Amino acid sequence: MHNKGNRSAVIDIGSNSVRLVVYAGHSRIPSTIFNEKILAGLGRELATTGNIGAENFDQAIGALKRFRILCKTLEVSDINIIATAAVRDADNGPQFVEAAREIGLKIEIIDGQQEAQYSALGVISAFPGYNGVMADLGGGSLEIAQISDGNIVQKISIPMGVLRVQKWFEQGYDSLLYQFQNFIDKSGWNEIDNCENLFLVGGSWRALAHIDMDDTDYPLRVIDHYKIDIGRSRVMGALLAKRGDENHNRSLGISSSRIKTLPQAAALMRCVSEYFQPQSLYTSAFGLREGILFSKLDKEIQALDPLLIGTREFSRTQRRFHGKKSDLNAWISDIFQDDNADMKRIRAAFCNLGDVAWRANPDFRAEWGLDIGLHGNWAAINGSGRDILGQALFSCFGGGANIYPNGGRLADKEAMNRAIAWGLTVRLAQRLSGGRAGLLSRTKIRLADDKNMVLQLQIESDYQDICGESVTKRLKNLAEFMGYESEIVFI
C-alpha cells in the first residue's frame, strides 16, 4: 500500500509551464526525486488567437519527449499526464494531444472542476484539519474550492489566469475586480459567511510569497505554510512597483517570464483576499500534482499525519541501526505531559529524527540537526513549528541549553525552552542506551516527588553498570535546565 519501492510521476501541462515531477517513498508523503519545468507558455496566445502558438506547441512537445525518456530512465512505474486550461480551451488542443500520443504519451485533459478538485485535495493533504478556501492561479484559469473537515464542499473554475486578464488589468483594478466578482456570481458559487483560511496555490503566488519573505526579512525560505499578512496581500502590487528591481527578483529564483506576470498575479491576490475576507492567508506548495497522488490513496493512508510519516521515513534512511528503533517519544513523554496537542505532535516528529545526525562531523552535528529541522522537506508544519523542531535537534546533537543563533524569531521563548528540554532529554537517552531499544527499555525517566521538583532516572538493577559518568552529567544538565534536582535509582 505504501509503494516504498515504486516511483510515480506527474506531468502537468499548464497554460504557462510543462512540468515533470518524479516521486518516491511512502505514498502518503512521497519525496520529490526529480523536478523540472519548461516555461512553454501554451496559453500565451490563447486570448488573441484561440490557439496554442506554433513555437510554444513545438517547445512543449520537445519537453514531453525529454520527460518520456527521463521517466523510463528513472524507472517510473506510474505516469500521470494531465493537461489543463490551455490545451482544454485551445482550438488546436486536439492536435497537441495527438502529437503527444505519437511519441507514446497519453494525455488526460481535465476540466476546470477536476482541476479544482485535485488542487483542493493537494491542500487537504498538506493542511490536515484546516478549513477555508483554496485558490489555484494558473496561466489560463483560476480554480477555487471550499474545504471543510477534509471535504470539498464546492468548486469552480473561472477564466482568469495571469495570461488571460491583461485587458481588464490594463483598465485598472476596479475593472479586474468587477470581472472577478461577475465570474464568481455566474458560477453558482454559494457565499461563505466566515472564511477561516485562504490557501494560495500556483507558481505566480509562490513567487510573490518569496518576494514578501525577502521584503519582510523572514528568517526561513520555505514556501509551504508561509503566512502572508492580510494587509500586505492587498497591497502586493504597490510593493512590487516600489521594488522595481527585476535583477533582485531573479536572484530569488523567479524566472524572467514569471516576473512579467507578477503584477497581474498581485492584483488577483488582492481580488481573492478582498472577496473572501479570510482570517488567515497561507501559501501552499501542494496543489494539483500532489492532489492527483493523494486521490489514489485509501482513506486509511490519507488519514496518516504527513509530518510524522515524513520524519519517520527520513529517519529510516539516516539512523545508525536498522533493527528495532528506540521509542524516544514514549521514553521522554512522562516528564512532558503538559505539552499541548500541537507541541506533542512536533515532539513526536523530533523524536523520529533523534538519531539522524551521527554521520556529520562531530563539531557540526548540532548545526546539521538544526538545518534538518528548519529546512527539511516536511509537510504540515509552519514556521513556528520548524523553529521549535530545529531547536530541539540543535540541543539534542550538542548545541547546549541556549537558543540557537538568531533563533526564536518565529516561536515564542517558552516553546523554544521546551524544545531545548526535549533535546537534552533525548541526548541523555541516546548516551544512556547507545541508541538501542533494548537498553532504553530497561530504564525510565520521571518526575519523582509530589511537587515534581526531582528528575529521577530509574535503571533496572541488572543494568546499573550502564550508568557512567557521562550519563550522570547529562542527567544533571537536563535537571538544572528544567529547575529540578536529579537522582538515579536502581530498581
Protein backbone atom coordinates (compact mmCIF):
# COMPACT_ATOMS: atom_id res chain seq x y z
CA MET A 1 0.00 0.00 0.00
CA HIS A 2 2.81 2.39 0.80
CA ASN A 3 4.68 1.92 -2.50
CA LYS A 4 8.02 2.43 -0.78
CA GLY A 5 9.90 0.84 -3.66
CA ASN A 6 7.84 2.31 -6.52
CA ARG A 7 8.18 5.60 -8.32
CA SER A 8 5.36 7.71 -9.66
CA ALA A 9 5.39 10.80 -11.82
CA VAL A 10 3.06 13.62 -12.75
CA ILE A 11 3.49 15.60 -15.96
CA ASP A 12 1.46 18.78 -15.57
CA ILE A 13 0.79 20.59 -18.85
CA GLY A 14 -0.43 24.02 -17.85
CA SER A 15 -1.01 27.33 -19.58
CA ASN A 16 2.35 28.70 -18.51
CA SER A 17 4.60 25.69 -17.91
CA VAL A 18 5.08 22.00 -18.58
CA ARG A 19 6.47 20.27 -15.52
CA LEU A 20 7.66 16.77 -14.63
CA VAL A 21 7.83 15.72 -11.00
CA VAL A 22 9.01 12.24 -10.03
CA TYR A 23 8.15 10.92 -6.56
CA ALA A 24 9.43 8.04 -4.45
CA GLY A 25 8.91 6.80 -0.90
CA HIS A 26 5.88 6.48 1.32
CA SER A 27 2.72 7.09 -0.67
CA ARG A 28 1.21 9.42 1.97
CA ILE A 29 4.02 11.93 1.61
CA PRO A 30 6.33 10.85 -1.23
CA SER A 31 9.64 12.63 -1.69
CA THR A 32 10.39 14.54 -4.86
CA ILE A 33 13.43 12.97 -6.50
CA PHE A 34 13.27 14.92 -9.78
CA ASN A 35 11.56 18.18 -10.68
CA GLU A 36 11.86 20.09 -13.94
CA LYS A 37 9.69 22.63 -15.68
CA ILE A 38 9.72 24.24 -19.09
CA LEU A 39 8.02 27.62 -19.41
CA ALA A 40 6.39 26.83 -22.74
CA GLY A 41 3.61 29.41 -22.41
CA LEU A 42 0.94 27.33 -24.15
CA GLY A 43 -1.73 29.83 -23.14
CA ARG A 44 0.14 32.94 -24.19
CA GLU A 45 -1.71 33.48 -27.49
CA LEU A 46 -4.99 31.89 -26.41
CA ALA A 47 -6.81 35.13 -25.65
CA THR A 48 -5.94 36.69 -29.03
CA THR A 49 -5.87 33.77 -31.49
CA GLY A 50 -7.71 30.95 -29.72
CA ASN A 51 -4.75 28.66 -30.43
CA ILE A 52 -1.55 27.40 -28.86
CA GLY A 53 1.21 29.28 -30.69
CA ALA A 54 3.33 27.21 -33.08
CA GLU A 55 6.58 27.90 -31.26
CA ASN A 56 5.00 27.15 -27.88
CA PHE A 57 3.45 23.96 -29.31
CA ASP A 58 6.82 22.67 -30.50
CA GLN A 59 8.61 23.64 -27.29
CA ALA A 60 6.09 21.76 -25.17
CA ILE A 61 6.23 18.62 -27.34
CA GLY A 62 10.02 18.76 -27.12
CA ALA A 63 9.74 18.87 -23.33
CA LEU A 64 7.40 15.86 -23.37
CA LYS A 65 9.90 13.88 -25.46
CA ARG A 66 12.59 14.59 -22.88
CA PHE A 67 10.30 13.77 -19.99
CA ARG A 68 9.33 10.43 -21.55
CA ILE A 69 13.00 9.40 -21.70
CA LEU A 70 13.61 10.57 -18.15
CA CYS A 71 10.66 8.59 -16.80
CA LYS A 72 11.96 5.45 -18.47
CA THR A 73 15.49 6.04 -17.17
CA LEU A 74 14.24 6.73 -13.65
CA GLU A 75 12.14 3.53 -13.74
CA VAL A 76 8.84 5.28 -13.10
CA SER A 77 6.03 2.73 -12.82
CA ASP A 78 3.06 5.13 -12.72
CA ILE A 79 2.94 8.18 -15.02
CA ASN A 80 0.05 10.64 -14.80
CA ILE A 81 -0.11 13.17 -17.65
CA ILE A 82 -2.57 15.98 -17.07
CA ALA A 83 -3.41 18.94 -19.32
CA THR A 84 -5.40 21.90 -18.03
CA ALA A 85 -6.77 25.20 -19.33
CA ALA A 86 -4.56 25.91 -22.37
CA VAL A 87 -4.94 22.51 -24.05
CA ARG A 88 -8.53 22.27 -22.86
CA ASP A 89 -9.58 25.59 -24.41
CA ALA A 90 -7.33 25.90 -27.47
CA ASP A 91 -8.79 25.23 -30.90
CA ASN A 92 -5.68 23.20 -31.72
CA GLY A 93 -5.72 21.38 -28.38
CA PRO A 94 -6.73 18.07 -30.04
CA GLN A 95 -3.71 18.33 -32.37
CA PHE A 96 -1.46 18.77 -29.33
CA VAL A 97 -2.92 15.67 -27.69
CA GLU A 98 -2.39 13.72 -30.93
CA ALA A 99 1.23 14.90 -31.18
CA ALA A 100 1.84 13.62 -27.65
CA ARG A 101 0.17 10.30 -28.49
CA GLU A 102 2.53 9.86 -31.43
CA ILE A 103 5.52 9.93 -29.06
CA GLY A 104 3.88 7.40 -26.76
CA LEU A 105 2.26 9.64 -24.15
CA LYS A 106 -1.45 9.64 -23.36
CA ILE A 107 -2.69 12.99 -22.07
CA GLU A 108 -5.75 13.29 -19.87
CA ILE A 109 -7.45 16.64 -20.35
CA ILE A 110 -9.19 17.62 -17.15
CA ASP A 111 -11.90 20.23 -16.93
CA GLY A 112 -11.91 23.13 -14.52
CA GLN A 113 -13.97 21.25 -11.93
CA GLN A 114 -11.48 18.37 -11.91
CA GLU A 115 -8.57 20.78 -11.71
CA ALA A 116 -10.15 22.48 -8.69
CA GLN A 117 -10.82 19.07 -7.14
CA TYR A 118 -7.23 17.89 -7.45
CA SER A 119 -5.75 21.20 -6.26
CA ALA A 120 -8.04 21.21 -3.24
CA LEU A 121 -7.03 17.62 -2.43
CA GLY A 122 -3.41 18.75 -2.53
CA VAL A 123 -4.19 21.39 0.09
CA ILE A 124 -6.15 18.90 2.20
CA SER A 125 -3.10 16.63 2.07
CA ALA A 126 -0.75 19.35 3.37
CA PHE A 127 -3.13 21.15 5.75
CA PRO A 128 -4.95 18.36 7.62
CA GLY A 129 -7.64 19.74 9.90
CA TYR A 130 -7.76 23.19 8.26
CA ASN A 131 -10.91 24.73 6.78
CA GLY A 132 -11.21 27.51 4.25
CA VAL A 133 -10.94 28.30 0.54
CA MET A 134 -8.32 27.07 -1.92
CA ALA A 135 -7.44 29.32 -4.87
CA ASP A 136 -5.13 27.91 -7.57
CA LEU A 137 -3.87 30.51 -10.02
CA GLY A 138 -2.53 29.30 -13.36
CA GLY A 139 -1.81 30.91 -16.66
CA GLY A 140 -5.26 30.32 -18.15
CA SER A 141 -7.64 29.89 -15.25
CA LEU A 142 -8.27 30.33 -11.56
CA GLU A 143 -9.69 27.35 -9.65
CA ILE A 144 -11.46 27.88 -6.33
CA ALA A 145 -12.74 25.31 -3.84
CA GLN A 146 -14.23 25.39 -0.36
CA ILE A 147 -12.73 22.92 2.12
CA SER A 148 -14.50 21.85 5.32
CA ASP A 149 -13.48 18.99 7.63
CA GLY A 150 -11.36 17.37 4.94
CA ASN A 151 -14.14 17.51 2.35
CA ILE A 152 -14.60 19.64 -0.76
CA VAL A 153 -17.91 21.45 -0.37
CA GLN A 154 -18.00 23.34 -3.68
CA LYS A 155 -15.62 24.12 -6.51
CA ILE A 156 -15.47 26.34 -9.59
CA SER A 157 -13.10 27.35 -12.37
CA ILE A 158 -13.06 30.82 -13.92
CA PRO A 159 -11.03 32.01 -16.96
CA MET A 160 -8.85 34.48 -15.07
CA GLY A 161 -5.30 33.14 -15.27
CA VAL A 162 -2.36 35.57 -15.37
CA LEU A 163 -2.09 35.22 -19.16
CA ARG A 164 -5.79 35.97 -19.72
CA VAL A 165 -6.53 39.04 -17.62
CA GLN A 166 -4.35 41.61 -19.38
CA LYS A 167 -7.27 43.56 -20.88
CA TRP A 168 -9.03 44.01 -17.55
CA PHE A 169 -5.74 44.55 -15.72
CA GLU A 170 -4.84 47.43 -18.05
CA GLN A 171 -8.25 49.02 -17.42
CA GLY A 172 -7.46 49.20 -13.70
CA TYR A 173 -8.08 47.24 -10.54
CA ASP A 174 -11.78 48.09 -10.33
CA SER A 175 -12.33 46.56 -13.77
CA LEU A 176 -10.42 43.42 -12.79
CA LEU A 177 -12.34 43.07 -9.52
CA TYR A 178 -15.66 43.58 -11.32
CA GLN A 179 -14.84 40.77 -13.77
CA PHE A 180 -13.73 38.52 -10.93
CA GLN A 181 -16.95 39.09 -8.98
CA ASN A 182 -19.00 38.68 -12.15
CA PHE A 183 -17.43 35.28 -12.91
CA ILE A 184 -17.96 34.18 -9.30
CA ASP A 185 -21.62 35.23 -9.38
CA LYS A 186 -22.28 33.42 -12.68
CA SER A 187 -20.53 30.25 -11.48
CA GLY A 188 -23.20 29.38 -8.92
CA TRP A 189 -20.76 29.75 -6.02
CA ASN A 190 -22.50 29.89 -2.65
CA GLU A 191 -21.19 32.72 -0.49
CA ILE A 192 -19.28 31.85 2.69
CA ASP A 193 -20.12 33.78 5.84
CA ASN A 194 -16.79 33.14 7.57
CA CYS A 195 -13.66 32.14 5.66
CA GLU A 196 -11.14 30.85 8.18
CA ASN A 197 -8.21 30.40 5.80
CA LEU A 198 -7.35 31.21 2.22
CA PHE A 199 -4.83 28.83 0.65
CA LEU A 200 -2.90 30.19 -2.32
CA VAL A 201 -1.70 27.60 -4.84
CA GLY A 202 0.31 28.20 -8.01
CA GLY A 203 3.75 29.34 -9.13
CA SER A 204 2.86 33.02 -9.51
CA TRP A 205 1.59 33.32 -5.96
CA ARG A 206 4.54 31.35 -4.62
CA ALA A 207 6.83 33.83 -6.38
CA LEU A 208 5.02 36.71 -4.67
CA ALA A 209 5.47 34.91 -1.35
CA HIS A 210 9.22 34.72 -1.97
CA ILE A 211 9.26 38.46 -2.59
CA ASP A 212 7.23 39.06 0.57
CA MET A 213 9.66 36.92 2.57
CA ASP A 214 12.56 38.94 1.23
CA ASP A 215 10.83 42.25 1.87
CA THR A 216 9.95 41.39 5.48
CA ASP A 217 13.29 39.66 6.25
CA TYR A 218 11.50 36.42 7.07
CA PRO A 219 14.10 34.00 8.53
CA LEU A 220 13.06 30.92 6.51
CA ARG A 221 12.75 30.42 2.77
CA VAL A 222 10.14 27.65 2.98
CA ILE A 223 7.01 28.44 0.98
CA ASP A 224 4.65 25.78 2.30
CA HIS A 225 2.57 27.10 5.23
CA TYR A 226 4.05 30.58 4.79
CA LYS A 227 1.57 33.05 6.23
CA ILE A 228 1.09 36.33 4.36
CA ASP A 229 -0.23 39.29 6.31
CA ILE A 230 -3.75 40.07 5.07
CA GLY A 231 -2.95 43.75 4.71
CA ARG A 232 0.16 43.08 2.67
CA SER A 233 -1.73 40.70 0.39
CA ARG A 234 -3.94 43.61 -0.66
CA VAL A 235 -1.09 46.00 -1.48
CA MET A 236 1.26 43.48 -3.10
CA GLY A 237 1.02 45.27 -6.44
CA ALA A 238 2.20 48.53 -4.88
CA LEU A 239 5.04 46.69 -3.15
CA LEU A 240 6.12 45.20 -6.48
CA ALA A 241 6.10 48.61 -8.14
CA LYS A 242 8.08 50.09 -5.26
CA ARG A 243 10.77 47.38 -5.50
CA GLY A 244 11.06 47.58 -9.30
CA ASP A 245 14.26 45.52 -9.26
CA GLU A 246 13.94 42.67 -11.75
CA ASN A 247 17.53 41.50 -11.22
CA HIS A 248 16.93 41.17 -7.48
CA ASN A 249 13.71 39.24 -8.09
CA ARG A 250 15.62 36.87 -10.37
CA SER A 251 18.13 36.35 -7.56
CA LEU A 252 15.24 34.93 -5.51
CA GLY A 253 14.83 32.16 -8.09
CA ILE A 254 11.99 33.79 -10.02
CA SER A 255 12.26 33.36 -13.79
CA SER A 256 12.10 36.32 -16.16
CA SER A 257 8.91 35.05 -17.78
CA ARG A 258 7.28 34.69 -14.36
CA ILE A 259 8.35 38.20 -13.34
CA LYS A 260 6.46 39.66 -16.30
CA THR A 261 3.10 38.45 -14.96
CA LEU A 262 3.66 39.15 -11.26
CA PRO A 263 1.69 42.44 -11.34
CA GLN A 264 -1.34 40.54 -12.66
CA ALA A 265 -0.83 37.84 -10.00
CA ALA A 266 -0.62 40.51 -7.28
CA ALA A 267 -3.84 42.13 -8.47
CA LEU A 268 -5.62 38.76 -8.46
CA MET A 269 -4.30 38.06 -4.97
CA ARG A 270 -5.93 41.30 -3.88
CA CYS A 271 -9.17 40.23 -5.58
CA VAL A 272 -9.44 36.90 -3.78
CA SER A 273 -8.34 38.38 -0.46
CA GLU A 274 -10.90 41.20 -0.59
CA TYR A 275 -13.68 38.94 -1.84
CA PHE A 276 -13.29 36.09 0.67
CA GLN A 277 -12.10 38.20 3.66
CA PRO A 278 -10.11 35.32 5.23
CA GLN A 279 -8.88 35.35 8.81
CA SER A 280 -5.52 33.93 7.67
CA LEU A 281 -3.80 33.57 4.32
CA TYR A 282 -1.29 30.80 3.53
CA THR A 283 0.75 29.73 0.55
CA SER A 284 0.73 26.03 -0.24
CA ALA A 285 3.48 24.13 -2.01
CA PHE A 286 0.96 21.33 -2.51
CA GLY A 287 -1.56 21.57 -5.29
CA LEU A 288 -2.78 19.72 -8.36
CA ARG A 289 0.08 17.24 -8.72
CA GLU A 290 0.06 16.22 -5.07
CA GLY A 291 -3.73 16.09 -5.15
CA ILE A 292 -3.64 13.58 -8.01
CA LEU A 293 -1.46 11.22 -5.98
CA PHE A 294 -3.46 11.82 -2.79
CA SER A 295 -6.70 10.95 -4.62
CA LYS A 296 -5.40 7.43 -5.31
CA LEU A 297 -4.82 6.58 -1.64
CA ASP A 298 -7.08 4.59 0.63
CA LYS A 299 -8.82 6.62 3.32
CA GLU A 300 -6.66 4.99 5.99
CA ILE A 301 -3.47 6.17 4.29
CA GLN A 302 -4.90 9.64 3.64
CA ALA A 303 -5.61 9.99 7.37
CA LEU A 304 -1.95 9.50 8.36
CA ASP A 305 -0.09 12.56 9.63
CA PRO A 306 2.28 13.67 6.83
CA LEU A 307 4.74 15.29 9.25
CA LEU A 308 5.13 12.14 11.34
CA ILE A 309 5.29 9.89 8.28
CA GLY A 310 7.85 12.16 6.60
CA THR A 311 10.15 12.38 9.62
CA ARG A 312 9.84 8.64 10.21
CA GLU A 313 10.77 7.85 6.61
CA PHE A 314 13.75 10.21 6.72
CA SER A 315 14.95 8.60 9.95
CA ARG A 316 14.62 5.14 8.40
CA THR A 317 17.29 6.03 5.85
CA GLN A 318 19.59 8.02 8.17
CA ARG A 319 19.68 6.40 11.61
CA ARG A 320 22.60 4.32 12.82
CA PHE A 321 20.89 1.00 13.42
CA HIS A 322 18.30 -0.76 11.31
CA GLY A 323 16.94 -3.10 13.92
CA LYS A 324 14.21 -2.12 16.36
CA LYS A 325 14.22 1.65 16.79
CA SER A 326 14.11 3.17 20.28
CA ASP A 327 10.75 4.75 21.08
CA LEU A 328 12.23 8.01 22.26
CA ASN A 329 8.90 9.81 22.40
CA ALA A 330 7.40 7.22 24.74
CA TRP A 331 10.50 7.37 26.93
CA ILE A 332 10.52 11.16 27.37
CA SER A 333 6.76 11.80 27.35
CA ASP A 334 6.28 11.18 31.09
CA ILE A 335 8.11 14.38 32.00
CA PHE A 336 6.38 16.47 29.30
CA GLN A 337 2.75 15.54 29.93
CA ASP A 338 1.68 19.18 29.98
CA ASP A 339 2.62 19.75 26.32
CA ASN A 340 -0.43 20.80 24.32
CA ALA A 341 -1.55 18.84 21.25
CA ASP A 342 0.48 20.91 18.78
CA MET A 343 3.64 20.61 20.86
CA LYS A 344 3.12 16.86 21.35
CA ARG A 345 2.95 16.47 17.58
CA ILE A 346 6.17 18.41 17.00
CA ARG A 347 7.82 16.49 19.83
CA ALA A 348 6.89 13.21 18.15
CA ALA A 349 8.39 14.45 14.88
CA PHE A 350 11.56 15.49 16.72
CA CYS A 351 11.87 12.09 18.40
CA ASN A 352 11.58 10.44 14.99
CA LEU A 353 14.66 12.46 14.00
CA GLY A 354 16.57 11.89 17.23
CA ASP A 355 19.33 9.82 15.61
CA VAL A 356 19.81 11.37 12.16
CA ALA A 357 22.97 13.48 12.57
CA TRP A 358 25.51 10.84 13.54
CA ARG A 359 27.15 10.87 10.08
CA ALA A 360 28.08 14.53 10.42
CA ASN A 361 31.42 15.80 11.63
CA PRO A 362 31.12 15.82 15.45
CA ASP A 363 31.94 19.54 15.55
CA PHE A 364 28.96 20.33 13.31
CA ARG A 365 26.29 17.84 14.34
CA ALA A 366 24.26 20.50 16.13
CA GLU A 367 24.24 22.70 13.03
CA TRP A 368 23.32 19.75 10.84
CA GLY A 369 20.45 18.84 13.12
CA LEU A 370 19.28 22.45 13.12
CA ASP A 371 19.32 22.54 9.33
CA ILE A 372 17.33 19.31 9.12
CA GLY A 373 14.68 20.73 11.41
CA LEU A 374 14.44 24.14 9.79
CA HIS A 375 14.79 23.22 6.13
CA GLY A 376 13.80 19.57 5.86
CA ASN A 377 11.22 18.69 3.23
CA TRP A 378 8.47 18.39 5.83
CA ALA A 379 4.75 18.82 5.24
CA ALA A 380 2.02 20.13 7.53
CA ILE A 381 4.29 22.30 9.68
CA ASN A 382 4.51 26.09 9.83
CA GLY A 383 7.45 28.39 10.50
CA SER A 384 6.96 28.36 14.26
CA GLY A 385 6.93 24.56 14.24
CA ARG A 386 10.13 24.47 12.22
CA ASP A 387 11.78 26.86 14.68
CA ILE A 388 10.85 24.53 17.56
CA LEU A 389 11.87 21.38 15.67
CA GLY A 390 15.21 22.87 14.67
CA GLN A 391 15.93 23.97 18.24
CA ALA A 392 15.19 20.53 19.66
CA LEU A 393 17.56 18.88 17.17
CA PHE A 394 20.20 21.56 17.76
CA SER A 395 20.20 20.87 21.51
CA CYS A 396 19.96 17.11 21.01
CA PHE A 397 23.11 16.99 18.90
CA GLY A 398 25.31 19.12 21.13
CA GLY A 399 24.10 22.70 20.76
CA GLY A 400 23.60 23.09 24.50
CA ALA A 401 20.90 24.77 26.54
CA ASN A 402 20.75 28.08 24.69
CA ILE A 403 18.51 29.13 21.82
CA TYR A 404 20.42 28.66 18.57
CA PRO A 405 21.99 31.80 17.00
CA ASN A 406 19.24 34.05 15.55
CA GLY A 407 16.62 31.51 16.62
CA GLY A 408 13.33 32.15 18.30
CA ARG A 409 12.04 34.67 15.77
CA LEU A 410 9.06 32.52 14.80
CA ALA A 411 8.32 30.63 18.02
CA ASP A 412 8.00 32.16 21.48
CA LYS A 413 10.61 31.74 24.21
CA GLU A 414 8.51 29.29 26.22
CA ALA A 415 8.19 26.94 23.25
CA MET A 416 11.90 27.23 22.42
CA ASN A 417 12.86 26.41 26.01
CA ARG A 418 10.60 23.39 25.91
CA ALA A 419 12.33 22.31 22.69
CA ILE A 420 15.71 22.64 24.44
CA ALA A 421 14.43 20.38 27.23
CA TRP A 422 13.27 17.80 24.68
CA GLY A 423 16.67 17.93 23.03
CA LEU A 424 18.61 17.50 26.26
CA THR A 425 16.35 14.59 27.30
CA VAL A 426 16.84 12.70 24.04
CA ARG A 427 20.57 13.47 24.23
CA LEU A 428 20.57 11.74 27.62
CA ALA A 429 18.57 8.79 26.25
CA GLN A 430 20.96 8.27 23.35
CA ARG A 431 24.03 8.29 25.61
CA LEU A 432 22.32 6.02 28.13
CA SER A 433 21.28 3.37 25.60
CA GLY A 434 23.66 3.81 22.69
CA GLY A 435 20.56 4.29 20.57
CA ARG A 436 19.35 0.73 21.14
CA ALA A 437 15.75 -0.02 22.07
CA GLY A 438 16.64 -2.98 24.29
CA LEU A 439 18.76 -0.96 26.68
CA LEU A 440 16.46 2.04 26.80
CA SER A 441 13.52 -0.18 27.75
CA ARG A 442 15.42 -1.10 30.94
CA THR A 443 15.25 2.49 32.11
CA LYS A 444 12.71 5.21 32.82
CA ILE A 445 12.80 8.94 33.44
CA ARG A 446 10.15 10.57 35.60
CA LEU A 447 9.32 13.43 37.95
CA ALA A 448 9.64 11.78 41.35
CA ASP A 449 8.14 13.74 44.23
CA ASP A 450 4.76 15.32 44.85
CA LYS A 451 5.98 18.76 43.86
CA ASN A 452 7.68 17.41 40.72
CA MET A 453 10.97 19.02 41.69
CA VAL A 454 13.14 15.89 41.37
CA LEU A 455 14.02 14.43 37.99
CA GLN A 456 14.61 10.74 38.56
CA LEU A 457 16.34 8.29 36.25
CA GLN A 458 15.36 4.71 37.06
CA ILE A 459 17.54 1.82 35.89
CA GLU A 460 16.89 -1.88 36.37
CA SER A 461 19.40 -3.26 38.88
CA ASP A 462 20.77 -5.84 36.45
CA TYR A 463 21.79 -2.97 34.15
CA GLN A 464 23.12 -0.47 36.70
CA ASP A 465 26.59 -0.59 35.14
CA ILE A 466 25.34 1.35 32.10
CA CYS A 467 25.18 4.42 34.34
CA GLY A 468 28.55 6.03 33.68
CA GLU A 469 29.93 9.49 34.33
CA SER A 470 28.65 10.95 31.06
CA VAL A 471 25.12 9.72 31.81
CA THR A 472 25.19 11.33 35.25
CA LYS A 473 26.46 14.58 33.78
CA ARG A 474 23.77 14.74 31.10
CA LEU A 475 21.04 14.00 33.63
CA LYS A 476 22.32 16.78 35.87
CA ASN A 477 22.48 19.27 32.97
CA LEU A 478 18.89 18.46 31.99
CA ALA A 479 17.60 18.73 35.56
CA GLU A 480 19.32 22.06 36.13
CA PHE A 481 17.88 23.49 32.92
CA MET A 482 14.37 22.43 33.94
CA GLY A 483 14.84 23.72 37.50
CA TYR A 484 14.88 20.31 39.20
CA GLU A 485 17.17 18.26 41.36
CA SER A 486 18.36 14.97 39.86
CA GLU A 487 18.76 11.46 41.17
CA ILE A 488 19.43 7.97 39.87
CA VAL A 489 17.77 4.93 41.43
CA PHE A 490 18.16 1.23 40.70
CA ILE A 491 15.00 -0.83 40.72
